Amino acid sequence: MGLETDTNNGDRKVYSVIVNKEVLDFSYKKTVNDFYAFRIGNILIGTISNTPSGWAAISHMPQENGMGLVYGFKTRLSASEYLLKLQGYQQ
């Protein structure tokens, strides 16, 4: 997944990447404490959090309910890539 551009869209920064030969616009919006809503376009995909042991991610998509937080990502971007893979997007 390669970063193409980033633009400021009001209160959140929007990033554009090319995945599976299509452009995805995704963004992070800080909600509470160190939690960030991760969206593709206007669709909430999951929440990413900065924890003492690294970044964690949880999917908000119905097919992934019950998985809980997945810990151990070194960066926010790697947690995002995990959520994208759950949605079927591959590098």
N, C-alpha and C. Protein backbone atom coordinates (compact mmCIF):
# COMPACT_ATOMS: atom_id res chain seq x y z
N MET A 1 0.86 -1.16 0.00
CA MET A 1 0.00 0.00 0.00
C MET A 1 0.90 1.22 0.00
N GLY A 2 0.79 2.06 -0.99
CA GLY A 2 1.64 3.23 -1.09
C GLY A 2 0.85 4.50 -0.92
N LEU A 3 1.39 5.40 -0.14
CA LEU A 3 0.72 6.68 0.09
C LEU A 3 0.83 7.54 -1.15
N GLU A 4 -0.29 8.04 -1.63
CA GLU A 4 -0.32 8.90 -2.81
C GLU A 4 -0.36 10.37 -2.41
N THR A 5 -1.44 10.78 -1.76
CA THR A 5 -1.61 12.18 -1.39
C THR A 5 -2.29 12.26 -0.04
N ASP A 6 -2.21 13.40 0.57
CA ASP A 6 -3.02 13.64 1.76
C ASP A 6 -3.55 15.07 1.69
N THR A 7 -4.80 15.22 2.07
CA THR A 7 -5.44 16.54 2.07
C THR A 7 -6.17 16.73 3.38
N ASN A 8 -6.36 17.96 3.77
CA ASN A 8 -7.07 18.26 5.00
C ASN A 8 -8.54 18.46 4.67
N ASN A 9 -9.40 17.63 5.24
CA ASN A 9 -10.84 17.68 4.98
C ASN A 9 -11.54 18.09 6.26
N GLY A 10 -11.49 19.37 6.58
CA GLY A 10 -12.11 19.85 7.81
C GLY A 10 -11.33 19.42 9.02
N ASP A 11 -11.90 18.55 9.85
CA ASP A 11 -11.27 18.13 11.10
C ASP A 11 -10.51 16.82 10.97
N ARG A 12 -10.40 16.28 9.77
CA ARG A 12 -9.65 15.04 9.60
C ARG A 12 -8.80 15.11 8.35
N LYS A 13 -7.72 14.36 8.35
CA LYS A 13 -6.83 14.32 7.21
C LYS A 13 -7.22 13.12 6.35
N VAL A 14 -7.36 13.35 5.07
CA VAL A 14 -7.76 12.29 4.15
C VAL A 14 -6.54 11.86 3.33
N TYR A 15 -6.30 10.56 3.26
CA TYR A 15 -5.19 9.99 2.52
C TYR A 15 -5.74 9.23 1.32
N SER A 16 -5.02 9.26 0.23
CA SER A 16 -5.39 8.48 -0.95
C SER A 16 -4.29 7.47 -1.22
N VAL A 17 -4.68 6.21 -1.40
CA VAL A 17 -3.73 5.15 -1.70
C VAL A 17 -4.26 4.35 -2.87
N ILE A 18 -3.37 3.64 -3.53
CA ILE A 18 -3.77 2.73 -4.60
C ILE A 18 -3.65 1.31 -4.07
N VAL A 19 -4.78 0.61 -4.06
CA VAL A 19 -4.84 -0.78 -3.61
C VAL A 19 -5.69 -1.54 -4.62
N ASN A 20 -5.23 -2.71 -5.05
CA ASN A 20 -5.96 -3.49 -6.06
C ASN A 20 -6.28 -2.65 -7.29
N LYS A 21 -5.37 -1.79 -7.69
CA LYS A 21 -5.50 -0.94 -8.87
C LYS A 21 -6.67 0.04 -8.79
N GLU A 22 -7.10 0.36 -7.58
CA GLU A 22 -8.13 1.39 -7.41
C GLU A 22 -7.68 2.36 -6.32
N VAL A 23 -8.20 3.57 -6.41
CA VAL A 23 -7.84 4.60 -5.44
C VAL A 23 -8.82 4.53 -4.27
N LEU A 24 -8.27 4.44 -3.06
CA LEU A 24 -9.08 4.47 -1.85
C LEU A 24 -8.76 5.75 -1.10
N ASP A 25 -9.77 6.45 -0.68
CA ASP A 25 -9.60 7.60 0.20
C ASP A 25 -9.94 7.14 1.60
N PHE A 26 -8.97 7.24 2.51
CA PHE A 26 -9.25 6.86 3.89
C PHE A 26 -8.82 7.97 4.82
N SER A 27 -9.35 7.93 6.03
CA SER A 27 -9.05 9.00 6.98
C SER A 27 -9.07 8.47 8.40
N TYR A 28 -8.47 9.25 9.27
CA TYR A 28 -8.49 9.00 10.71
C TYR A 28 -9.12 10.21 11.37
N LYS A 29 -9.99 9.98 12.32
CA LYS A 29 -10.54 11.07 13.10
C LYS A 29 -10.45 10.69 14.56
N LYS A 30 -9.75 11.51 15.33
CA LYS A 30 -9.60 11.22 16.76
C LYS A 30 -10.96 11.33 17.43
N THR A 31 -11.31 10.31 18.22
CA THR A 31 -12.59 10.32 18.91
C THR A 31 -12.38 10.64 20.38
N VAL A 32 -11.96 9.68 21.17
CA VAL A 32 -11.69 9.92 22.59
C VAL A 32 -10.31 9.36 22.92
N ASN A 33 -9.68 9.95 23.91
CA ASN A 33 -8.34 9.52 24.34
C ASN A 33 -7.44 9.30 23.13
N ASP A 34 -6.91 8.10 22.97
CA ASP A 34 -6.04 7.79 21.83
C ASP A 34 -6.73 6.87 20.84
N PHE A 35 -8.03 7.02 20.66
CA PHE A 35 -8.78 6.22 19.71
C PHE A 35 -9.04 7.04 18.45
N TYR A 36 -8.89 6.38 17.30
CA TYR A 36 -9.10 7.03 16.00
C TYR A 36 -10.10 6.22 15.18
N ALA A 37 -11.13 6.88 14.67
CA ALA A 37 -12.06 6.23 13.75
C ALA A 37 -11.37 6.12 12.39
N PHE A 38 -11.37 4.93 11.82
CA PHE A 38 -10.74 4.68 10.52
C PHE A 38 -11.85 4.48 9.50
N ARG A 39 -11.87 5.32 8.49
CA ARG A 39 -12.93 5.29 7.47
C ARG A 39 -12.35 5.16 6.08
N ILE A 40 -13.09 4.45 5.23
CA ILE A 40 -12.83 4.48 3.79
C ILE A 40 -13.99 5.29 3.23
N GLY A 41 -13.67 6.45 2.67
CA GLY A 41 -14.73 7.37 2.27
C GLY A 41 -15.52 7.77 3.50
N ASN A 42 -16.83 7.55 3.47
CA ASN A 42 -17.67 7.87 4.62
C ASN A 42 -18.05 6.64 5.43
N ILE A 43 -17.50 5.47 5.09
CA ILE A 43 -17.86 4.23 5.76
C ILE A 43 -16.88 3.95 6.90
N LEU A 44 -17.42 3.79 8.11
CA LEU A 44 -16.60 3.47 9.27
C LEU A 44 -16.17 2.01 9.16
N ILE A 45 -14.87 1.78 9.08
CA ILE A 45 -14.32 0.44 8.94
C ILE A 45 -13.90 -0.13 10.29
N GLY A 46 -13.30 0.70 11.14
CA GLY A 46 -12.84 0.22 12.42
C GLY A 46 -12.30 1.35 13.27
N THR A 47 -11.78 0.96 14.42
CA THR A 47 -11.16 1.90 15.34
C THR A 47 -9.73 1.45 15.59
N ILE A 48 -8.84 2.42 15.62
CA ILE A 48 -7.42 2.16 15.87
C ILE A 48 -7.03 2.93 17.12
N SER A 49 -6.24 2.27 17.98
CA SER A 49 -5.87 2.89 19.24
C SER A 49 -4.38 2.73 19.50
N ASN A 50 -3.79 3.76 20.09
CA ASN A 50 -2.39 3.70 20.50
C ASN A 50 -2.36 3.21 21.94
N THR A 51 -1.82 2.01 22.15
CA THR A 51 -1.78 1.41 23.48
C THR A 51 -0.33 1.34 23.95
N PRO A 52 -0.10 1.04 25.22
CA PRO A 52 1.28 0.92 25.71
C PRO A 52 2.10 -0.15 24.97
N SER A 53 1.43 -1.16 24.42
CA SER A 53 2.15 -2.23 23.71
C SER A 53 2.16 -2.03 22.20
N GLY A 54 1.80 -0.85 21.73
CA GLY A 54 1.76 -0.58 20.30
C GLY A 54 0.35 -0.23 19.86
N TRP A 55 0.13 -0.24 18.57
CA TRP A 55 -1.19 0.09 18.03
C TRP A 55 -2.08 -1.13 18.03
N ALA A 56 -3.39 -0.90 18.22
CA ALA A 56 -4.38 -1.97 18.20
C ALA A 56 -5.49 -1.57 17.24
N ALA A 57 -6.18 -2.57 16.69
CA ALA A 57 -7.26 -2.30 15.74
C ALA A 57 -8.45 -3.20 16.02
N ILE A 58 -9.65 -2.68 15.78
CA ILE A 58 -10.87 -3.47 15.88
C ILE A 58 -11.76 -3.11 14.70
N SER A 59 -12.30 -4.14 14.06
CA SER A 59 -13.17 -3.93 12.91
C SER A 59 -14.57 -3.60 13.37
N HIS A 60 -15.25 -2.75 12.61
CA HIS A 60 -16.65 -2.42 12.88
C HIS A 60 -17.57 -2.98 11.82
N MET A 61 -17.05 -3.83 10.95
CA MET A 61 -17.86 -4.40 9.90
C MET A 61 -18.62 -5.61 10.44
N PRO A 62 -19.87 -5.81 10.03
CA PRO A 62 -20.71 -6.89 10.60
C PRO A 62 -20.09 -8.28 10.51
N GLN A 63 -19.41 -8.59 9.42
CA GLN A 63 -18.85 -9.93 9.27
C GLN A 63 -17.69 -10.19 10.22
N GLU A 64 -17.15 -9.14 10.84
CA GLU A 64 -16.00 -9.29 11.73
C GLU A 64 -16.38 -9.10 13.19
N ASN A 65 -17.67 -8.98 13.50
CA ASN A 65 -18.10 -8.78 14.89
C ASN A 65 -17.60 -9.91 15.77
N GLY A 66 -17.23 -9.59 16.97
CA GLY A 66 -16.79 -10.58 17.93
C GLY A 66 -15.30 -10.85 17.91
N MET A 67 -14.55 -10.23 17.00
CA MET A 67 -13.11 -10.49 16.95
C MET A 67 -12.38 -9.78 18.07
N GLY A 68 -12.86 -8.64 18.51
CA GLY A 68 -12.19 -7.89 19.56
C GLY A 68 -10.96 -7.16 19.04
N LEU A 69 -10.29 -6.47 19.96
CA LEU A 69 -9.08 -5.73 19.59
C LEU A 69 -7.95 -6.68 19.23
N VAL A 70 -7.23 -6.34 18.18
CA VAL A 70 -6.03 -7.07 17.79
C VAL A 70 -4.86 -6.15 18.08
N TYR A 71 -3.94 -6.60 18.93
CA TYR A 71 -2.83 -5.77 19.40
C TYR A 71 -1.54 -6.09 18.65
N GLY A 72 -0.55 -5.22 18.83
CA GLY A 72 0.80 -5.52 18.41
C GLY A 72 1.27 -4.88 17.11
N PHE A 73 0.52 -3.94 16.57
CA PHE A 73 0.97 -3.27 15.35
C PHE A 73 1.98 -2.18 15.72
N LYS A 74 3.04 -2.06 14.92
CA LYS A 74 4.09 -1.08 15.23
C LYS A 74 3.68 0.34 14.87
N THR A 75 2.83 0.49 13.85
CA THR A 75 2.43 1.82 13.40
C THR A 75 0.92 1.88 13.18
N ARG A 76 0.40 3.09 13.12
CA ARG A 76 -1.02 3.27 12.82
C ARG A 76 -1.31 2.77 11.41
N LEU A 77 -0.38 2.98 10.49
CA LEU A 77 -0.57 2.53 9.12
C LEU A 77 -0.65 1.01 9.04
N SER A 78 0.18 0.29 9.80
CA SER A 78 0.11 -1.18 9.75
C SER A 78 -1.21 -1.68 10.34
N ALA A 79 -1.75 -1.00 11.34
CA ALA A 79 -3.07 -1.36 11.86
C ALA A 79 -4.13 -1.10 10.80
N SER A 80 -3.97 -0.02 10.04
CA SER A 80 -4.90 0.29 8.96
C SER A 80 -4.85 -0.76 7.86
N GLU A 81 -3.64 -1.20 7.52
CA GLU A 81 -3.48 -2.23 6.50
C GLU A 81 -4.19 -3.52 6.91
N TYR A 82 -4.12 -3.85 8.20
CA TYR A 82 -4.83 -5.03 8.73
C TYR A 82 -6.33 -4.89 8.49
N LEU A 83 -6.89 -3.72 8.82
CA LEU A 83 -8.32 -3.50 8.62
C LEU A 83 -8.69 -3.54 7.14
N LEU A 84 -7.82 -3.02 6.29
CA LEU A 84 -8.08 -3.08 4.85
C LEU A 84 -8.07 -4.53 4.36
N LYS A 85 -7.15 -5.35 4.87
CA LYS A 85 -7.10 -6.76 4.47
C LYS A 85 -8.37 -7.49 4.89
N LEU A 86 -8.93 -7.14 6.05
CA LEU A 86 -10.19 -7.75 6.47
C LEU A 86 -11.31 -7.44 5.49
N GLN A 87 -11.20 -6.30 4.82
CA GLN A 87 -12.20 -5.89 3.83
C GLN A 87 -11.92 -6.45 2.44
N GLY A 88 -10.83 -7.20 2.31
CA GLY A 88 -10.50 -7.80 1.02
C GLY A 88 -9.57 -6.99 0.15
N TYR A 89 -9.03 -5.90 0.68
CA TYR A 89 -8.08 -5.09 -0.07
C TYR A 89 -6.67 -5.60 0.21
N GLN A 90 -5.93 -5.91 -0.84
CA GLN A 90 -4.55 -6.37 -0.71
C GLN A 90 -3.63 -5.39 -1.39
N GLN A 91 -2.38 -5.37 -0.97
CA GLN A 91 -1.38 -4.52 -1.60
C GLN A 91 -1.13 -4.94 -3.02
